[in-house]
Amino acid sequence: MAIEREVKATGKEDGNITKLCNSSKYWEEVLKDQAIKQIKNDQYEYYVDRHGKKTYVHIFEKEGEKHLRTDWDETEKNNLLELPDC
């Protein structure tokens, strides 16, 4: 069973997520490739909390490259690109 980790900030480059961050936790930041492995191996589930509602981070593939994103819903406030920089 995967352990949940809340994402409060993200690293970004050219519109892509490069790392997931939470400076108040011992893990502080995880690079994209490491997060992808952890999600695929069911080790960790990363999520954004918006007013008590968890939106989970998923892996998607575009043009042969793996990326991280949250599911679309009625708000953009839990979008990984909208989070503060870390």
PDB file of N, CA and C in Angstrom:
ATOM      1  N   MET A   1       0.831  -1.177   0.000  1.00  0.00           N
ATOM      2  CA  MET A   1       0.000   0.000   0.000  1.00  0.00           C
ATOM      3  C   MET A   1       0.883   1.250   0.000  1.00  0.00           C
ATOM      4  N   ALA A   2       0.557   2.187  -0.857  1.00  0.00           N
ATOM      5  CA  ALA A   2       1.348   3.399  -1.012  1.00  0.00           C
ATOM      6  C   ALA A   2       1.127   4.361   0.154  1.00  0.00           C
ATOM      7  N   ILE A   3       2.176   5.073   0.492  1.00  0.00           N
ATOM      8  CA  ILE A   3       2.133   6.111   1.510  1.00  0.00           C
ATOM      9  C   ILE A   3       1.826   7.434   0.811  1.00  0.00           C
ATOM     10  N   GLU A   4       0.927   8.221   1.384  1.00  0.00           N
ATOM     11  CA  GLU A   4       0.553   9.493   0.780  1.00  0.00           C
ATOM     12  C   GLU A   4       1.536  10.596   1.164  1.00  0.00           C
ATOM     13  N   ARG A   5       1.824  11.448   0.178  1.00  0.00           N
ATOM     14  CA  ARG A   5       2.679  12.611   0.389  1.00  0.00           C
ATOM     15  C   ARG A   5       2.008  13.831  -0.239  1.00  0.00           C
ATOM     16  N   GLU A   6       1.850  14.870   0.559  1.00  0.00           N
ATOM     17  CA  GLU A   6       1.223  16.094   0.057  1.00  0.00           C
ATOM     18  C   GLU A   6       2.256  16.977  -0.647  1.00  0.00           C
ATOM     19  N   VAL A   7       1.903  17.456  -1.827  1.00  0.00           N
ATOM     20  CA  VAL A   7       2.749  18.351  -2.608  1.00  0.00           C
ATOM     21  C   VAL A   7       2.275  19.777  -2.365  1.00  0.00           C
ATOM     22  N   LYS A   8       3.202  20.652  -1.959  1.00  0.00           N
ATOM     23  CA  LYS A   8       2.840  22.048  -1.697  1.00  0.00           C
ATOM     24  C   LYS A   8       3.510  23.010  -2.662  1.00  0.00           C
ATOM     25  N   ALA A   9       4.495  22.540  -3.411  1.00  0.00           N
ATOM     26  CA  ALA A   9       5.201  23.369  -4.379  1.00  0.00           C
ATOM     27  C   ALA A   9       5.797  22.448  -5.439  1.00  0.00           C
ATOM     28  N   THR A  10       6.179  23.037  -6.560  1.00  0.00           N
ATOM     29  CA  THR A  10       6.768  22.236  -7.634  1.00  0.00           C
ATOM     30  C   THR A  10       7.905  22.999  -8.303  1.00  0.00           C
ATOM     31  N   GLY A  11       8.837  22.224  -8.843  1.00  0.00           N
ATOM     32  CA  GLY A  11       9.862  22.784  -9.705  1.00  0.00           C
ATOM     33  C   GLY A  11       9.343  22.705 -11.132  1.00  0.00           C
ATOM     34  N   LYS A  12       9.617  23.739 -11.918  1.00  0.00           N
ATOM     35  CA  LYS A  12       9.084  23.811 -13.280  1.00  0.00           C
ATOM     36  C   LYS A  12      10.168  24.255 -14.243  1.00  0.00           C
ATOM     37  N   GLU A  13      10.091  23.706 -15.460  1.00  0.00           N
ATOM     38  CA  GLU A  13      11.007  24.128 -16.517  1.00  0.00           C
ATOM     39  C   GLU A  13      10.298  23.958 -17.850  1.00  0.00           C
ATOM     40  N   ASP A  14      10.172  25.041 -18.588  1.00  0.00           N
ATOM     41  CA  ASP A  14       9.518  25.015 -19.907  1.00  0.00           C
ATOM     42  C   ASP A  14       8.128  24.386 -19.854  1.00  0.00           C
ATOM     43  N   GLY A  15       7.359  24.680 -18.803  1.00  0.00           N
ATOM     44  CA  GLY A  15       6.000  24.170 -18.687  1.00  0.00           C
ATOM     45  C   GLY A  15       5.900  22.727 -18.230  1.00  0.00           C
ATOM     46  N   ASN A  16       7.012  22.144 -17.808  1.00  0.00           N
ATOM     47  CA  ASN A  16       7.027  20.764 -17.317  1.00  0.00           C
ATOM     48  C   ASN A  16       7.408  20.730 -15.848  1.00  0.00           C
ATOM     49  N   ILE A  17       6.859  19.777 -15.124  1.00  0.00           N
ATOM     50  CA  ILE A  17       7.178  19.594 -13.711  1.00  0.00           C
ATOM     51  C   ILE A  17       8.503  18.840 -13.605  1.00  0.00           C
ATOM     52  N   THR A  18       9.446  19.411 -12.848  1.00  0.00           N
ATOM     53  CA  THR A  18      10.760  18.786 -12.680  1.00  0.00           C
ATOM     54  C   THR A  18      10.945  18.168 -11.296  1.00  0.00           C
ATOM     55  N   LYS A  19      10.133  18.634 -10.321  1.00  0.00           N
ATOM     56  CA  LYS A  19      10.207  18.059  -8.974  1.00  0.00           C
ATOM     57  C   LYS A  19       8.953  18.399  -8.188  1.00  0.00           C
ATOM     58  N   LEU A  20       8.672  17.578  -7.194  1.00  0.00           N
ATOM     59  CA  LEU A  20       7.562  17.765  -6.269  1.00  0.00           C
ATOM     60  C   LEU A  20       8.153  18.117  -4.914  1.00  0.00           C
ATOM     61  N   CYS A  21       7.542  19.096  -4.220  1.00  0.00           N
ATOM     62  CA  CYS A  21       8.151  19.579  -2.976  1.00  0.00           C
ATOM     63  C   CYS A  21       7.151  19.782  -1.851  1.00  0.00           C
ATOM     64  N   ASN A  22       7.656  19.662  -0.639  1.00  0.00           N
ATOM     65  CA  ASN A  22       6.938  20.024   0.578  1.00  0.00           C
ATOM     66  C   ASN A  22       8.009  20.286   1.632  1.00  0.00           C
ATOM     67  N   SER A  23       8.363  21.538   1.814  1.00  0.00           N
ATOM     68  CA  SER A  23       9.485  21.896   2.696  1.00  0.00           C
ATOM     69  C   SER A  23       9.224  21.581   4.164  1.00  0.00           C
ATOM     70  N   SER A  24       7.970  21.329   4.525  1.00  0.00           N
ATOM     71  CA  SER A  24       7.675  21.015   5.921  1.00  0.00           C
ATOM     72  C   SER A  24       7.782  19.524   6.237  1.00  0.00           C
ATOM     73  N   LYS A  25       8.143  18.725   5.264  1.00  0.00           N
ATOM     74  CA  LYS A  25       8.275  17.276   5.457  1.00  0.00           C
ATOM     75  C   LYS A  25       9.733  16.853   5.310  1.00  0.00           C
ATOM     76  N   TYR A  26      10.084  15.723   5.901  1.00  0.00           N
ATOM     77  CA  TYR A  26      11.459  15.245   5.856  1.00  0.00           C
ATOM     78  C   TYR A  26      11.955  15.010   4.432  1.00  0.00           C
ATOM     79  N   TRP A  27      11.057  14.682   3.511  1.00  0.00           N
ATOM     80  CA  TRP A  27      11.478  14.380   2.144  1.00  0.00           C
ATOM     81  C   TRP A  27      11.694  15.638   1.315  1.00  0.00           C
ATOM     82  N   GLU A  28      11.237  16.772   1.726  1.00  0.00           N
ATOM     83  CA  GLU A  28      11.373  18.101   1.133  1.00  0.00           C
ATOM     84  C   GLU A  28      11.151  18.188  -0.368  1.00  0.00           C
ATOM     85  N   GLU A  29      11.935  17.463  -1.178  1.00  0.00           N
ATOM     86  CA  GLU A  29      11.720  17.494  -2.620  1.00  0.00           C
ATOM     87  C   GLU A  29      12.107  16.162  -3.254  1.00  0.00           C
ATOM     88  N   VAL A  30      11.390  15.828  -4.315  1.00  0.00           N
ATOM     89  CA  VAL A  30      11.642  14.593  -5.049  1.00  0.00           C
ATOM     90  C   VAL A  30      11.671  14.950  -6.536  1.00  0.00           C
ATOM     91  N   LEU A  31      12.736  14.567  -7.203  1.00  0.00           N
ATOM     92  CA  LEU A  31      12.849  14.837  -8.633  1.00  0.00           C
ATOM     93  C   LEU A  31      11.815  14.032  -9.417  1.00  0.00           C
ATOM     94  N   LYS A  32      11.429  14.547 -10.569  1.00  0.00           N
ATOM     95  CA  LYS A  32      10.375  13.950 -11.399  1.00  0.00           C
ATOM     96  C   LYS A  32      10.604  12.463 -11.659  1.00  0.00           C
ATOM     97  N   ASP A  33      11.794  12.092 -12.101  1.00  0.00           N
ATOM     98  CA  ASP A  33      12.056  10.680 -12.432  1.00  0.00           C
ATOM     99  C   ASP A  33      11.905   9.777 -11.210  1.00  0.00           C
ATOM    100  N   GLN A  34      12.348  10.257 -10.057  1.00  0.00           N
ATOM    101  CA  GLN A  34      12.207   9.478  -8.829  1.00  0.00           C
ATOM    102  C   GLN A  34      10.728   9.355  -8.447  1.00  0.00           C
ATOM    103  N   ALA A  35       9.975  10.453  -8.558  1.00  0.00           N
ATOM    104  CA  ALA A  35       8.542  10.420  -8.238  1.00  0.00           C
ATOM    105  C   ALA A  35       7.808   9.454  -9.160  1.00  0.00           C
ATOM    106  N   ILE A  36       8.151   9.449 -10.433  1.00  0.00           N
ATOM    107  CA  ILE A  36       7.522   8.532 -11.389  1.00  0.00           C
ATOM    108  C   ILE A  36       7.777   7.087 -10.978  1.00  0.00           C
ATOM    109  N   LYS A  37       9.002   6.763 -10.618  1.00  0.00           N
ATOM    110  CA  LYS A  37       9.319   5.399 -10.162  1.00  0.00           C
ATOM    111  C   LYS A  37       8.540   5.042  -8.906  1.00  0.00           C
ATOM    112  N   GLN A  38       8.463   5.975  -7.958  1.00  0.00           N
ATOM    113  CA  GLN A  38       7.762   5.717  -6.702  1.00  0.00           C
ATOM    114  C   GLN A  38       6.269   5.500  -6.932  1.00  0.00           C
ATOM    115  N   ILE A  39       5.678   6.266  -7.834  1.00  0.00           N
ATOM    116  CA  ILE A  39       4.258   6.101  -8.150  1.00  0.00           C
ATOM    117  C   ILE A  39       4.036   4.773  -8.859  1.00  0.00           C
ATOM    118  N   LYS A  40       4.872   4.467  -9.851  1.00  0.00           N
ATOM    119  CA  LYS A  40       4.733   3.210 -10.607  1.00  0.00           C
ATOM    120  C   LYS A  40       4.891   1.997  -9.706  1.00  0.00           C
ATOM    121  N   ASN A  41       5.793   2.082  -8.721  1.00  0.00           N
ATOM    122  CA  ASN A  41       6.050   0.960  -7.816  1.00  0.00           C
ATOM    123  C   ASN A  41       5.091   0.923  -6.629  1.00  0.00           C
ATOM    124  N   ASP A  42       4.089   1.827  -6.641  1.00  0.00           N
ATOM    125  CA  ASP A  42       3.086   1.897  -5.577  1.00  0.00           C
ATOM    126  C   ASP A  42       3.725   2.130  -4.209  1.00  0.00           C
ATOM    127  N   GLN A  43       4.843   2.862  -4.209  1.00  0.00           N
ATOM    128  CA  GLN A  43       5.542   3.184  -2.967  1.00  0.00           C
ATOM    129  C   GLN A  43       4.919   4.426  -2.321  1.00  0.00           C
ATOM    130  N   TYR A  44       4.686   5.472  -3.135  1.00  0.00           N
ATOM    131  CA  TYR A  44       4.096   6.717  -2.652  1.00  0.00           C
ATOM    132  C   TYR A  44       2.996   7.181  -3.591  1.00  0.00           C
ATOM    133  N   GLU A  45       2.011   7.870  -3.010  1.00  0.00           N
ATOM    134  CA  GLU A  45       0.979   8.578  -3.762  1.00  0.00           C
ATOM    135  C   GLU A  45       1.141  10.051  -3.430  1.00  0.00           C
ATOM    136  N   TYR A  46       1.381  10.850  -4.434  1.00  0.00           N
ATOM    137  CA  TYR A  46       1.513  12.290  -4.242  1.00  0.00           C
ATOM    138  C   TYR A  46       0.173  12.943  -4.548  1.00  0.00           C
ATOM    139  N   TYR A  47      -0.161  13.984  -3.785  1.00  0.00           N
ATOM    140  CA  TYR A  47      -1.438  14.659  -3.987  1.00  0.00           C
ATOM    141  C   TYR A  47      -1.319  16.143  -3.632  1.00  0.00           C
ATOM    142  N   VAL A  48      -2.262  16.917  -4.156  1.00  0.00           N
ATOM    143  CA  VAL A  48      -2.419  18.321  -3.800  1.00  0.00           C
ATOM    144  C   VAL A  48      -3.709  18.424  -3.001  1.00  0.00           C
ATOM    145  N   ASP A  49      -3.650  19.112  -1.863  1.00  0.00           N
ATOM    146  CA  ASP A  49      -4.827  19.290  -1.015  1.00  0.00           C
ATOM    147  C   ASP A  49      -5.405  20.676  -1.276  1.00  0.00           C
ATOM    148  N   ARG A  50      -6.645  20.699  -1.682  1.00  0.00           N
ATOM    149  CA  ARG A  50      -7.351  21.960  -1.920  1.00  0.00           C
ATOM    150  C   ARG A  50      -8.604  21.957  -1.066  1.00  0.00           C
ATOM    151  N   HIS A  51      -8.547  22.659   0.083  1.00  0.00           N
ATOM    152  CA  HIS A  51      -9.673  22.751   1.013  1.00  0.00           C
ATOM    153  C   HIS A  51     -10.175  21.377   1.444  1.00  0.00           C
ATOM    154  N   GLY A  52      -9.240  20.490   1.778  1.00  0.00           N
ATOM    155  CA  GLY A  52      -9.597  19.172   2.269  1.00  0.00           C
ATOM    156  C   GLY A  52      -9.882  18.136   1.201  1.00  0.00           C
ATOM    157  N   LYS A  53      -9.829  18.523  -0.067  1.00  0.00           N
ATOM    158  CA  LYS A  53     -10.054  17.584  -1.164  1.00  0.00           C
ATOM    159  C   LYS A  53      -8.707  17.233  -1.804  1.00  0.00           C
ATOM    160  N   LYS A  54      -8.388  15.959  -1.824  1.00  0.00           N
ATOM    161  CA  LYS A  54      -7.121  15.497  -2.389  1.00  0.00           C
ATOM    162  C   LYS A  54      -7.267  15.262  -3.890  1.00  0.00           C
ATOM    163  N   THR A  55      -6.336  15.818  -4.634  1.00  0.00           N
ATOM    164  CA  THR A  55      -6.239  15.567  -6.065  1.00  0.00           C
ATOM    165  C   THR A  55      -4.891  14.896  -6.291  1.00  0.00           C
ATOM    166  N   TYR A  56      -4.909  13.669  -6.768  1.00  0.00           N
ATOM    167  CA  TYR A  56      -3.696  12.867  -6.861  1.00  0.00           C
ATOM    168  C   TYR A  56      -2.897  13.156  -8.129  1.00  0.00           C
ATOM    169  N   VAL A  57      -1.580  12.995  -7.986  1.00  0.00           N
ATOM    170  CA  VAL A  57      -0.649  13.169  -9.095  1.00  0.00           C
ATOM    171  C   VAL A  57      -0.578  11.851  -9.867  1.00  0.00           C
ATOM    172  N   HIS A  58      -0.660  11.960 -11.185  1.00  0.00           N
ATOM    173  CA  HIS A  58      -0.605  10.795 -12.063  1.00  0.00           C
ATOM    174  C   HIS A  58       0.506  10.946 -13.084  1.00  0.00           C
ATOM    175  N   ILE A  59       0.879   9.831 -13.666  1.00  0.00           N
ATOM    176  CA  ILE A  59       1.873   9.807 -14.735  1.00  0.00           C
ATOM    177  C   ILE A  59       1.126   9.772 -16.059  1.00  0.00           C
ATOM    178  N   PHE A  60       1.576  10.567 -17.014  1.00  0.00           N
ATOM    179  CA  PHE A  60       1.044  10.447 -18.365  1.00  0.00           C
ATOM    180  C   PHE A  60       2.206  10.537 -19.336  1.00  0.00           C
ATOM    181  N   GLU A  61       2.009   9.968 -20.495  1.00  0.00           N
ATOM    182  CA  GLU A  61       3.068   9.947 -21.495  1.00  0.00           C
ATOM    183  C   GLU A  61       2.660  10.788 -22.690  1.00  0.00           C
ATOM    184  N   LYS A  62       3.590  11.624 -23.132  1.00  0.00           N
ATOM    185  CA  LYS A  62       3.363  12.482 -24.288  1.00  0.00           C
ATOM    186  C   LYS A  62       4.620  12.463 -25.142  1.00  0.00           C
ATOM    187  N   GLU A  63       4.454  12.096 -26.389  1.00  0.00           N
ATOM    188  CA  GLU A  63       5.570  12.030 -27.333  1.00  0.00           C
ATOM    189  C   GLU A  63       6.726  11.199 -26.778  1.00  0.00           C
ATOM    190  N   GLY A  64       6.386  10.088 -26.129  1.00  0.00           N
ATOM    191  CA  GLY A  64       7.383   9.154 -25.623  1.00  0.00           C
ATOM    192  C   GLY A  64       8.044   9.543 -24.309  1.00  0.00           C
ATOM    193  N   GLU A  65       7.647  10.665 -23.720  1.00  0.00           N
ATOM    194  CA  GLU A  65       8.236  11.109 -22.463  1.00  0.00           C
ATOM    195  C   GLU A  65       7.179  11.091 -21.361  1.00  0.00           C
ATOM    196  N   LYS A  66       7.583  10.641 -20.178  1.00  0.00           N
ATOM    197  CA  LYS A  66       6.673  10.586 -19.037  1.00  0.00           C
ATOM    198  C   LYS A  66       6.644  11.941 -18.323  1.00  0.00           C
ATOM    199  N   HIS A  67       5.437  12.328 -17.882  1.00  0.00           N
ATOM    200  CA  HIS A  67       5.215  13.595 -17.186  1.00  0.00           C
ATOM    201  C   HIS A  67       4.328  13.349 -15.971  1.00  0.00           C
ATOM    202  N   LEU A  68       4.290  14.339 -15.081  1.00  0.00           N
ATOM    203  CA  LEU A  68       3.427  14.293 -13.902  1.00  0.00           C
ATOM    204  C   LEU A  68       2.338  15.342 -14.047  1.00  0.00           C
ATOM    205  N   ARG A  69       1.126  14.994 -13.611  1.00  0.00           N
ATOM    206  CA  ARG A  69       0.022  15.955 -13.604  1.00  0.00           C
ATOM    207  C   ARG A  69      -1.048  15.490 -12.631  1.00  0.00           C
ATOM    208  N   THR A  70      -1.946  16.408 -12.309  1.00  0.00           N
ATOM    209  CA  THR A  70      -3.116  16.068 -11.509  1.00  0.00           C
ATOM    210  C   THR A  70      -4.296  15.913 -12.448  1.00  0.00           C
ATOM    211  N   ASP A  71      -5.342  15.271 -11.968  1.00  0.00           N
ATOM    212  CA  ASP A  71      -6.559  15.143 -12.758  1.00  0.00           C
ATOM    213  C   ASP A  71      -7.239  16.493 -12.875  1.00  0.00           C
ATOM    214  N   TRP A  72      -7.864  16.753 -13.996  1.00  0.00           N
ATOM    215  CA  TRP A  72      -8.607  17.987 -14.195  1.00  0.00           C
ATOM    216  C   TRP A  72      -9.874  17.944 -13.362  1.00  0.00           C
ATOM    217  N   ASP A  73     -10.199  19.093 -12.773  1.00  0.00           N
ATOM    218  CA  ASP A  73     -11.480  19.232 -12.099  1.00  0.00           C
ATOM    219  C   ASP A  73     -11.938  20.680 -12.258  1.00  0.00           C
ATOM    220  N   GLU A  74     -12.841  21.117 -11.430  1.00  0.00           N
ATOM    221  CA  GLU A  74     -13.456  22.435 -11.599  1.00  0.00           C
ATOM    222  C   GLU A  74     -12.535  23.610 -11.243  1.00  0.00           C
ATOM    223  N   THR A  75     -11.363  23.346 -10.693  1.00  0.00           N
ATOM    224  CA  THR A  75     -10.450  24.430 -10.326  1.00  0.00           C
ATOM    225  C   THR A  75      -9.052  24.169 -10.866  1.00  0.00           C
ATOM    226  N   GLU A  76      -8.333  25.229 -11.127  1.00  0.00           N
ATOM    227  CA  GLU A  76      -6.936  25.095 -11.540  1.00  0.00           C
ATOM    228  C   GLU A  76      -6.002  25.251 -10.354  1.00  0.00           C
ATOM    229  N   LYS A  77      -6.536  25.531  -9.172  1.00  0.00           N
ATOM    230  CA  LYS A  77      -5.708  25.803  -7.996  1.00  0.00           C
ATOM    231  C   LYS A  77      -4.937  24.582  -7.514  1.00  0.00           C
ATOM    232  N   ASN A  78      -5.310  23.386  -7.950  1.00  0.00           N
ATOM    233  CA  ASN A  78      -4.560  22.196  -7.561  1.00  0.00           C
ATOM    234  C   ASN A  78      -3.701  21.678  -8.718  1.00  0.00           C
ATOM    235  N   ASN A  79      -3.613  22.446  -9.774  1.00  0.00           N
ATOM    236  CA  ASN A  79      -2.774  22.110 -10.912  1.00  0.00           C
ATOM    237  C   ASN A  79      -1.309  22.251 -10.478  1.00  0.00           C
ATOM    238  N   LEU A  80      -0.481  21.285 -10.811  1.00  0.00           N
ATOM    239  CA  LEU A  80       0.915  21.316 -10.386  1.00  0.00           C
ATOM    240  C   LEU A  80       1.642  22.567 -10.876  1.00  0.00           C
ATOM    241  N   LEU A  81       1.307  23.052 -12.070  1.00  0.00           N
ATOM    242  CA  LEU A  81       1.956  24.251 -12.587  1.00  0.00           C
ATOM    243  C   LEU A  81       1.526  25.516 -11.841  1.00  0.00           C
ATOM    244  N   GLU A  82       0.384  25.479 -11.167  1.00  0.00           N
ATOM    245  CA  GLU A  82      -0.112  26.646 -10.432  1.00  0.00           C
ATOM    246  C   GLU A  82       0.442  26.729  -9.011  1.00  0.00           C
ATOM    247  N   LEU A  83       1.071  25.672  -8.526  1.00  0.00           N
ATOM    248  CA  LEU A  83       1.630  25.688  -7.180  1.00  0.00           C
ATOM    249  C   LEU A  83       2.862  26.587  -7.127  1.00  0.00           C
ATOM    250  N   PRO A  84       3.219  27.091  -5.945  1.00  0.00           N
ATOM    251  CA  PRO A  84       4.425  27.916  -5.818  1.00  0.00           C
ATOM    252  C   PRO A  84       5.666  27.147  -6.248  1.00  0.00           C
ATOM    253  N   ASP A  85       6.702  27.878  -6.612  1.00  0.00           N
ATOM    254  CA  ASP A  85       7.976  27.257  -6.990  1.00  0.00           C
ATOM    255  C   ASP A  85       8.728  26.765  -5.759  1.00  0.00           C
ATOM    256  N   CYS A  86       9.490  25.708  -5.963  1.00  0.00           N
ATOM    257  CA  CYS A  86      10.358  25.227  -4.877  1.00  0.00           C
ATOM    258  C   CYS A  86      11.798  25.161  -5.349  1.00  0.00           C
TER     259      CYS A  86
END
